[in-house]
Structure formats: structure tokens, C-alpha cells
């Protein structure tokens, strides 16, 4: 029997405004609202609104919540004050990535945001390390809708929506009122290469807040943003997604990892490997960009070759609207990582010419072939 894909709580609302759906990873998602390039252009010039409710949210309470997670995660949680946040990774003892997450510090609890399907697995593993610490984990994903507003006008949309400015600094956050609903507004860290705001919303009020954001964004040209355009935005920005570009076989230093790591915080799981690679060694491969000369983007998993030998694999590939050509992310052996290096990509029976390209492909104010 064919399995039925999960649906976003606002599935009917997305359908009402013209969403075209696809089910790539167990979720039936709005891949576009009829014109992916127009959605992309809205984010680059004005603002886009994306339903990110496949993300999972975990609430952590208890007096030892910070000290316990300080020994589990790769970034420095003890340096955070309430209203601040950071990116972090949860590694195993070998330094491979079990989860990438966002951590938000509140007065009485922490909020962790993870990718789809990661919360239960992560909590099960963390539970094995809990001995006498007072730290309590609750998966509140079903109670939380997550939206992202992205684009140069994102701050203006948030101010129109809440009556208050977007807080400065990546992952700064505060509770605000939207249509009389208490919403946590988080300043994003640049997944799209543009200004971003993330909204953590009570699921029961998701539709009301979504419609309020659309209304607040209408004067600046905000559009709903589907997965197709979002994927182009984040690949252009060189941002890896867990489950696409990163999994349990990837060492943290093999990806652009600086936002996820503190090298001064002391011990955490996998810390010895990460520190050894930074100070005394190197990785044998790394995530990099590839730019293609033709019109076809390869499939994920396609083999990257140099001088007739396999030197890596493609993890994500899109057609860049900024560069008007296919681009990709992929892992490549370090001896072939020099930008400009010519490689070929084997996509079934096709051989595609490409060259290694430094990440990101896109920065506001400049793009590079």
C-alpha cells in the first residue's frame, strides 16, 4: 500500500492561494504558488513568506538544562543571555553530525529547532547521557507552527505586523503580539542570503498569523514562497540542509561549520575530533560549490570525477536564477577543492562539465559565475 504523505496544518490555506504540491520526503509541501522565479525575485527584492512547519521544536526545562546541553552541543550555550540564540550541532564521539539545530535561550527554558524527523531520534540519544541532571525535554512540534519571512523588506514586514522593530543580531528573539496572538519573533541567520525573521506561533493560531503576515507584507510586495524557490535561495547562499547535504556520515568540519562551533567552550561530544582537525590536521573532503556550463542540473548523488577518477558526489542541485545556470553543492576531495578546478559530473549516461566554485554563490550586492 502506498504511504500517505504528511500534510502541513495549513495545507488547505496553501491550496486556496494556488499552491502546487509535491511529496519528496514524506511531506506534501507547496513547491510553488505558480511561479517559482517570481517567488525567488520577491525574496531578493522585497519579501517572501515560507511555511516551515516541518521543522520540529523541543522545549527544555529544569535547573540543569543549560549545563547539560553545554556538554552535548558544539556551541557555547553558557554565553547566551535570555533573548539570544545560536546555531549548534549534536555530534557523536567520532565528530559526525547527528543533528543541526537552532538554540534559543529564554528566562525559564530553552527552545531547540531541528529538521523534520530529528527530534525523536535526538531526544532518545540525549536521554542516554542524562544521569542525575535536572533537564526535561518535551517535543512541542505539534503545538507549534513555524514561518519564515525573508528578504530586504523582512524587517519592515515585522514592524508592520507587530508594531515593534526586528531585533538586531542573528538569533535574537522576543515575544510579540500578532493579531492578539503571542508569537516569538526570531531574527534569522541568513539561510537565504537575505534578512530573515522566523515566527514561532501556537499551532491553533497558525492560519490567523499566516494571513496577518500576508496582509502586512502586501504593501512591500511580499509573496508566498514555495520549496522550489527556497531551495534555489539556500543553495545560492551555500547553506547545507540536514538530510540533503548533511547526514550521520559527515564530519562537522567537512561543512561550513563556523556558525555552529565554539572553540573555547571546553568539552562536548565530538569536541576532540573537531579541535584536532582545526588545529592539527585537515579533512579529506569538504562541501563546496559547483557551477555548470550547460543547461542541465544533475541529480543528487551524481558522481563528481576529475582526471577520470571519482572525487566526490553531488548533494543538492538547482538552476540558479541569479547566475542563470545550474549550480550544485557537493562533497569533493580536498586535492580538487581549488576554485576554478575543472571536473565532470556523471548523471546516469550524461557527462556534465563543471568547475569548483567557492561558497556562497550569492552575496547581497554581488554574484559570481
Protein backbone atom coordinates (compact mmCIF):
# COMPACT_ATOMS: atom_id res chain seq x y z
CA UNK A 1 0.00 0.00 0.00
CA UNK A 2 1.29 3.45 -0.88
CA UNK A 3 2.02 5.53 2.22
CA UNK A 4 0.16 8.81 2.65
CA UNK A 5 2.36 11.89 2.95
CA UNK A 6 2.08 14.17 5.96
CA UNK A 7 0.37 17.48 5.35
CA UNK A 8 1.14 20.87 6.83
CA UNK A 9 -1.57 22.12 9.21
CA UNK A 10 -2.19 24.98 6.75
CA UNK A 11 -2.42 22.68 3.70
CA UNK A 12 -5.92 23.93 2.81
CA UNK A 13 -4.79 27.55 3.11
CA UNK A 14 -1.86 26.93 0.77
CA UNK A 15 -4.19 25.22 -1.71
CA UNK A 16 -6.56 28.18 -1.52
CA UNK A 17 -3.83 30.61 -2.61
CA UNK A 18 -2.70 28.47 -5.52
CA UNK A 19 -0.05 26.12 -4.16
CA UNK A 20 1.29 23.36 -6.39
CA UNK A 21 2.16 20.41 -4.15
CA UNK A 22 4.75 17.63 -4.27
CA UNK A 23 5.74 14.95 -1.76
CA UNK A 24 9.52 14.47 -1.78
CA UNK A 25 10.30 13.43 1.79
CA UNK A 26 7.14 12.13 3.37
CA UNK A 27 5.53 15.58 3.40
CA UNK A 28 3.10 17.05 0.88
CA UNK A 29 4.58 20.52 0.51
CA UNK A 30 3.82 23.67 -1.51
CA UNK A 31 6.58 23.50 -4.12
CA UNK A 32 5.38 26.74 -5.67
CA UNK A 33 2.46 29.09 -5.85
CA UNK A 34 2.50 29.07 -9.64
CA UNK A 35 5.72 30.97 -10.43
CA UNK A 36 8.91 29.90 -8.59
CA UNK A 37 11.04 32.56 -10.26
CA UNK A 38 8.66 35.34 -9.18
CA UNK A 39 8.75 33.94 -5.62
CA UNK A 40 12.54 33.95 -5.75
CA UNK A 41 12.64 37.52 -7.08
CA UNK A 42 10.31 38.63 -4.29
CA UNK A 43 12.81 37.43 -1.69
CA UNK A 44 15.74 39.07 -3.46
CA UNK A 45 13.93 42.41 -3.90
CA UNK A 46 11.13 42.56 -1.30
CA UNK A 47 9.98 39.65 0.89
CA UNK A 48 8.71 36.09 0.82
CA UNK A 49 6.74 34.06 3.37
CA UNK A 50 7.54 30.35 3.79
CA UNK A 51 5.69 27.80 5.93
CA UNK A 52 8.50 25.93 7.72
CA UNK A 53 6.27 23.86 9.98
CA UNK A 54 8.05 20.64 9.01
CA UNK A 55 10.72 21.88 11.44
CA UNK A 56 10.48 20.30 14.88
CA UNK A 57 10.60 22.23 18.14
CA UNK A 58 11.73 20.89 21.52
CA UNK A 59 11.29 22.67 24.85
CA UNK A 60 13.92 22.09 27.53
CA UNK A 61 13.30 22.94 31.18
CA UNK A 62 14.91 22.08 34.52
CA UNK A 63 17.67 23.74 36.52
CA UNK A 64 20.46 21.84 34.72
CA UNK A 65 19.15 22.43 31.19
CA UNK A 66 21.98 24.75 30.13
CA UNK A 67 24.86 22.90 31.81
CA UNK A 68 23.67 19.56 30.44
CA UNK A 69 23.33 20.78 26.85
CA UNK A 70 26.62 22.67 27.16
CA UNK A 71 28.30 19.25 27.31
CA UNK A 72 26.24 17.87 24.43
CA UNK A 73 26.28 20.57 21.74
CA UNK A 74 29.09 22.19 19.78
CA UNK A 75 28.35 25.85 20.53
CA UNK A 76 28.60 27.87 23.74
CA UNK A 77 25.18 27.97 25.37
CA UNK A 78 26.50 29.42 28.63
CA UNK A 79 27.46 32.57 26.74
CA UNK A 80 23.81 33.20 25.80
CA UNK A 81 21.57 35.57 27.72
CA UNK A 82 17.78 35.30 27.58
CA UNK A 83 16.67 36.71 24.25
CA UNK A 84 19.75 35.38 22.45
CA UNK A 85 20.32 32.22 20.42
CA UNK A 86 22.80 30.38 18.25
CA UNK A 87 23.27 27.54 15.81
CA UNK A 88 24.73 24.30 17.15
CA UNK A 89 25.42 20.72 16.15
CA UNK A 90 24.90 17.49 18.03
CA UNK A 91 27.73 15.11 17.20
CA UNK A 92 28.74 11.59 18.08
CA UNK A 93 32.10 10.68 19.60
CA UNK A 94 33.61 10.48 16.09
CA UNK A 95 32.63 14.06 15.24
CA UNK A 96 29.92 13.11 12.76
CA UNK A 97 26.75 15.18 12.64
CA UNK A 98 23.67 13.68 14.26
CA UNK A 99 21.64 16.89 14.04
CA UNK A 100 21.95 20.57 13.19
CA UNK A 101 19.80 22.82 15.31
CA UNK A 102 18.96 26.34 16.44
CA UNK A 103 19.03 27.08 20.18
CA UNK A 104 17.02 29.92 21.70
CA UNK A 105 17.62 30.99 25.32
CA UNK A 106 14.59 32.08 27.35
CA UNK A 107 14.38 33.03 31.02
CA UNK A 108 12.87 29.72 32.12
CA UNK A 109 13.61 27.31 29.27
CA UNK A 110 15.42 26.62 26.02
CA UNK A 111 13.85 26.07 22.64
CA UNK A 112 15.58 23.80 20.13
CA UNK A 113 14.57 23.80 16.46
CA UNK A 114 15.59 20.79 14.38
CA UNK A 115 14.86 19.49 10.91
CA UNK A 116 11.96 17.19 10.13
CA UNK A 117 12.22 13.77 11.77
CA UNK A 118 15.18 14.63 14.01
CA UNK A 119 13.51 15.46 17.33
CA UNK A 120 12.59 11.93 18.46
CA UNK A 121 15.96 10.46 17.46
CA UNK A 122 17.90 13.29 19.09
CA UNK A 123 15.92 13.14 22.33
CA UNK A 124 16.35 9.37 22.51
CA UNK A 125 20.13 9.76 22.22
CA UNK A 126 20.31 12.66 24.70
CA UNK A 127 18.34 10.62 27.22
CA UNK A 128 21.18 8.08 27.32
CA UNK A 129 23.50 10.79 28.67
CA UNK A 130 21.10 12.05 31.32
CA UNK A 131 22.10 10.59 34.68
CA UNK A 132 21.23 12.82 37.62
CA UNK A 133 20.87 16.15 35.79
CA UNK A 134 17.59 18.00 36.07
CA UNK A 135 16.83 18.59 32.41
CA UNK A 136 13.47 17.78 30.89
CA UNK A 137 12.71 17.57 27.17
CA UNK A 138 9.30 17.98 25.56
CA UNK A 139 8.62 17.75 21.85
CA UNK A 140 6.21 20.65 21.17
CA UNK A 141 6.30 20.35 17.37
CA UNK A 142 2.59 19.53 17.10
CA UNK A 143 1.80 22.63 19.14
CA UNK A 144 3.98 24.99 17.09
CA UNK A 145 3.72 26.44 13.59
CA UNK A 146 6.96 27.89 12.17
CA UNK A 147 7.01 30.56 9.47
CA UNK A 148 9.91 32.44 7.87
CA UNK A 149 9.80 35.92 6.35
CA UNK A 150 12.85 36.57 4.14
CA UNK A 151 14.01 39.46 2.02
CA UNK A 152 15.31 43.03 2.28
CA UNK A 153 11.84 44.14 3.40
CA UNK A 154 11.53 41.46 6.12
CA UNK A 155 12.19 43.94 8.93
CA UNK A 156 9.56 46.32 7.55
CA UNK A 157 7.01 43.48 7.39
CA UNK A 158 7.71 42.51 11.01
CA UNK A 159 7.38 46.12 12.19
CA UNK A 160 4.06 46.49 10.38
CA UNK A 161 2.95 43.15 11.80
CA UNK A 162 3.94 43.67 15.45
CA UNK A 163 4.38 47.41 15.84
CA UNK A 164 7.94 46.82 17.02
CA UNK A 165 11.26 46.57 15.15
CA UNK A 166 13.02 43.31 14.40
CA UNK A 167 15.77 42.80 16.99
CA UNK A 168 19.36 43.21 15.73
CA UNK A 169 21.75 40.26 15.68
CA UNK A 170 21.35 36.70 14.43
CA UNK A 171 19.01 34.59 16.56
CA UNK A 172 17.94 37.46 18.81
CA UNK A 173 14.32 36.87 19.77
CA UNK A 174 11.40 38.22 21.78
CA UNK A 175 7.72 37.58 22.29
CA UNK A 176 5.50 39.90 20.28
CA UNK A 177 1.77 40.17 19.63
CA UNK A 178 0.36 39.44 16.18
CA UNK A 179 -3.40 39.79 15.84
CA UNK A 180 -3.59 39.45 19.64
CA UNK A 181 -1.64 36.18 19.44
CA UNK A 182 1.61 35.77 21.40
CA UNK A 183 4.31 34.92 18.84
CA UNK A 184 8.06 34.51 19.29
CA UNK A 185 9.84 36.56 16.63
CA UNK A 186 13.41 35.43 15.89
CA UNK A 187 15.95 37.28 13.77
CA UNK A 188 17.21 34.70 11.27
CA UNK A 189 20.78 33.87 10.41
CA UNK A 190 20.77 34.15 6.63
CA UNK A 191 19.62 30.83 5.16
CA UNK A 192 18.50 32.70 2.04
CA UNK A 193 21.31 35.26 1.94
CA UNK A 194 18.78 37.95 2.90
CA UNK A 195 17.35 39.42 6.09
CA UNK A 196 15.10 36.89 7.79
CA UNK A 197 12.59 36.64 10.60
CA UNK A 198 11.28 33.36 11.98
CA UNK A 199 7.92 33.21 13.73
CA UNK A 200 7.15 30.55 16.34
CA UNK A 201 3.37 30.51 16.51
CA UNK A 202 0.84 28.46 18.51
CA UNK A 203 -0.40 25.89 16.01
CA UNK A 204 -4.02 26.69 16.87
CA UNK A 205 -3.44 30.26 15.65
CA UNK A 206 -1.31 29.39 12.63
CA UNK A 207 -3.84 30.34 9.95
CA UNK A 208 -4.65 33.64 11.64
CA UNK A 209 -0.99 34.65 11.88
CA UNK A 210 -0.19 33.47 8.34
CA UNK A 211 -2.96 35.65 6.92
CA UNK A 212 -1.83 38.57 9.09
CA UNK A 213 1.72 38.30 7.68
CA UNK A 214 0.41 38.23 4.11
CA UNK A 215 -1.66 41.34 4.82
CA UNK A 216 1.26 43.17 6.47
CA UNK A 217 3.54 42.27 3.56
CA UNK A 218 1.20 43.27 0.72
CA UNK A 219 2.37 46.92 0.57
CA UNK A 220 6.02 45.86 0.10
CA UNK A 221 5.35 43.10 -2.44
CA UNK A 222 5.60 40.02 -0.19
CA UNK A 223 4.71 36.73 -1.86
CA UNK A 224 4.22 33.19 -0.50
CA UNK A 225 7.42 31.21 -1.01
CA UNK A 226 7.41 27.58 -2.13
CA UNK A 227 10.06 24.90 -1.69
CA UNK A 228 11.43 25.23 -5.24
CA UNK A 229 12.39 28.89 -4.86
CA UNK A 230 13.54 28.37 -1.26
CA UNK A 231 15.89 25.60 -2.40
CA UNK A 232 17.43 27.90 -5.02
CA UNK A 233 17.89 30.65 -2.43
CA UNK A 234 19.65 28.46 0.11
CA UNK A 235 21.88 26.69 -2.46
CA UNK A 236 22.93 30.06 -3.86
CA UNK A 237 23.76 31.02 -0.26
CA UNK A 238 25.78 27.82 0.27
CA UNK A 239 23.63 26.63 3.18
CA UNK A 240 23.51 22.85 3.69
CA UNK A 241 20.30 21.16 4.83
CA UNK A 242 20.34 18.13 7.08
CA UNK A 243 19.00 15.12 5.20
CA UNK A 244 20.05 16.62 1.86
CA UNK A 245 23.69 17.67 2.20
CA UNK A 246 24.47 16.52 5.74
CA UNK A 247 23.83 13.22 7.47
CA UNK A 248 25.41 10.89 10.03
CA UNK A 249 28.36 10.16 7.70
CA UNK A 250 29.50 13.80 7.62
CA UNK A 251 32.14 15.25 9.95
CA UNK A 252 31.20 18.70 11.19
CA UNK A 253 34.40 20.33 9.78
CA UNK A 254 33.51 18.98 6.32
CA UNK A 255 30.76 21.61 6.01
CA UNK A 256 30.90 25.41 6.51
CA UNK A 257 30.76 24.96 10.29
CA UNK A 258 31.98 28.21 11.88
CA UNK A 259 28.47 29.38 12.93
CA UNK A 260 27.91 26.05 14.71
CA UNK A 261 31.09 25.84 16.80
CA UNK A 262 32.79 27.44 19.78
CA UNK A 263 36.48 26.56 20.02
CA UNK A 264 36.80 27.98 23.54
CA UNK A 265 33.85 26.48 25.42
CA UNK A 266 35.50 23.24 26.56
CA UNK A 267 34.35 19.67 26.20
CA UNK A 268 31.33 18.38 24.32
CA UNK A 269 30.65 15.16 22.46
CA UNK A 270 32.93 15.01 19.41
CA UNK A 271 34.95 18.08 20.52
CA UNK A 272 38.30 16.31 20.39
CA UNK A 273 37.86 15.40 16.72
CA UNK A 274 36.67 18.88 15.74
CA UNK A 275 39.56 20.58 17.56
CA UNK A 276 42.16 18.17 16.20
CA UNK A 277 41.05 18.83 12.63
CA UNK A 278 41.11 22.61 13.13
CA UNK A 279 44.47 22.88 14.86
CA UNK A 280 46.50 19.88 13.73
CA UNK A 281 45.03 18.36 10.61
CA UNK A 282 42.57 18.67 7.77
CA UNK A 283 39.53 16.98 6.33
CA UNK A 284 39.90 14.67 3.34
CA UNK A 285 36.83 16.17 1.65
CA UNK A 286 34.63 19.24 2.07
CA UNK A 287 31.32 20.62 0.91
CA UNK A 288 31.83 23.03 -1.96
CA UNK A 289 30.01 24.63 -4.86
CA UNK A 290 29.91 23.52 -8.48
CA UNK A 291 28.93 25.66 -11.45
CA UNK A 292 27.82 24.01 -14.70
CA UNK A 293 28.46 25.16 -18.25
CA UNK A 294 25.30 23.68 -19.77
CA UNK A 295 21.60 23.95 -19.01
CA UNK A 296 21.06 20.77 -17.01
CA UNK A 297 21.35 20.40 -13.24
CA UNK A 298 22.45 16.91 -12.15
CA UNK A 299 20.54 14.71 -9.77
CA UNK A 300 21.67 14.48 -6.14
CA UNK A 301 24.04 11.55 -5.77
CA UNK A 302 25.65 12.09 -9.17
CA UNK A 303 29.35 11.21 -9.23
CA UNK A 304 31.94 14.00 -9.48
CA UNK A 305 35.09 12.99 -11.39
CA UNK A 306 38.48 14.57 -12.01
CA UNK A 307 41.14 13.08 -14.26
CA UNK A 308 38.93 10.04 -14.77
CA UNK A 309 38.59 9.22 -11.06
CA UNK A 310 35.70 9.68 -8.65
CA UNK A 311 36.45 12.59 -6.31
CA UNK A 312 33.03 13.32 -4.83
CA UNK A 313 29.25 13.36 -5.04
CA UNK A 314 26.59 16.00 -5.66
CA UNK A 315 24.23 16.55 -2.72
CA UNK A 316 21.92 19.33 -3.99
CA UNK A 317 21.50 20.91 -7.42
CA UNK A 318 19.29 23.72 -8.75
CA UNK A 319 19.11 26.18 -11.60
CA UNK A 320 20.30 29.49 -10.18
CA UNK A 321 18.12 32.47 -11.05
CA UNK A 322 20.94 34.83 -10.02
CA UNK A 323 23.54 33.22 -12.29
CA UNK A 324 21.14 31.87 -14.94
CA UNK A 325 22.82 28.48 -14.93
CA UNK A 326 22.81 25.23 -12.94
CA UNK A 327 24.72 25.15 -9.66
CA UNK A 328 25.20 22.46 -7.05
CA UNK A 329 26.55 21.62 -3.63
CA UNK A 330 28.69 18.52 -3.28
CA UNK A 331 31.48 16.88 -1.33
CA UNK A 332 34.82 16.90 -3.14
CA UNK A 333 38.21 15.55 -2.07
CA UNK A 334 40.50 18.28 -0.79
CA UNK A 335 43.10 17.99 -3.56
CA UNK A 336 40.43 19.11 -6.06
CA UNK A 337 38.83 21.89 -3.98
CA UNK A 338 40.65 24.83 -5.55
CA UNK A 339 38.04 27.20 -7.06
CA UNK A 340 38.13 27.01 -10.84
CA UNK A 341 39.17 23.34 -10.92
CA UNK A 342 37.52 21.59 -13.89
CA UNK A 343 35.54 18.46 -13.06
CA UNK A 344 32.89 16.34 -14.72
CA UNK A 345 29.66 15.10 -13.20
CA UNK A 346 28.17 11.77 -14.29
CA UNK A 347 24.38 11.83 -14.22
CA UNK A 348 23.38 8.37 -15.43
CA UNK A 349 24.51 8.32 -19.09
CA UNK A 350 25.18 12.08 -19.27
CA UNK A 351 28.52 13.73 -18.58
CA UNK A 352 28.25 17.35 -17.45
CA UNK A 353 31.14 19.82 -17.45
CA UNK A 354 31.52 21.81 -14.24
CA UNK A 355 34.02 23.74 -12.19
CA UNK A 356 34.58 24.05 -8.46
CA UNK A 357 33.17 27.32 -7.10
CA UNK A 358 33.74 28.85 -3.68
CA UNK A 359 30.67 29.28 -1.48
CA UNK A 360 28.45 31.19 -1.33
CA UNK A 361 27.40 31.67 -4.94
CA UNK A 362 25.40 34.74 -3.93
CA UNK A 363 26.04 37.67 -1.59
CA UNK A 364 23.79 40.71 -1.47
CA UNK A 365 25.30 43.26 -3.83
CA UNK A 366 27.37 40.78 -5.81
CA UNK A 367 27.11 37.46 -7.62
CA UNK A 368 29.89 35.48 -9.22
CA UNK A 369 29.95 32.92 -12.01
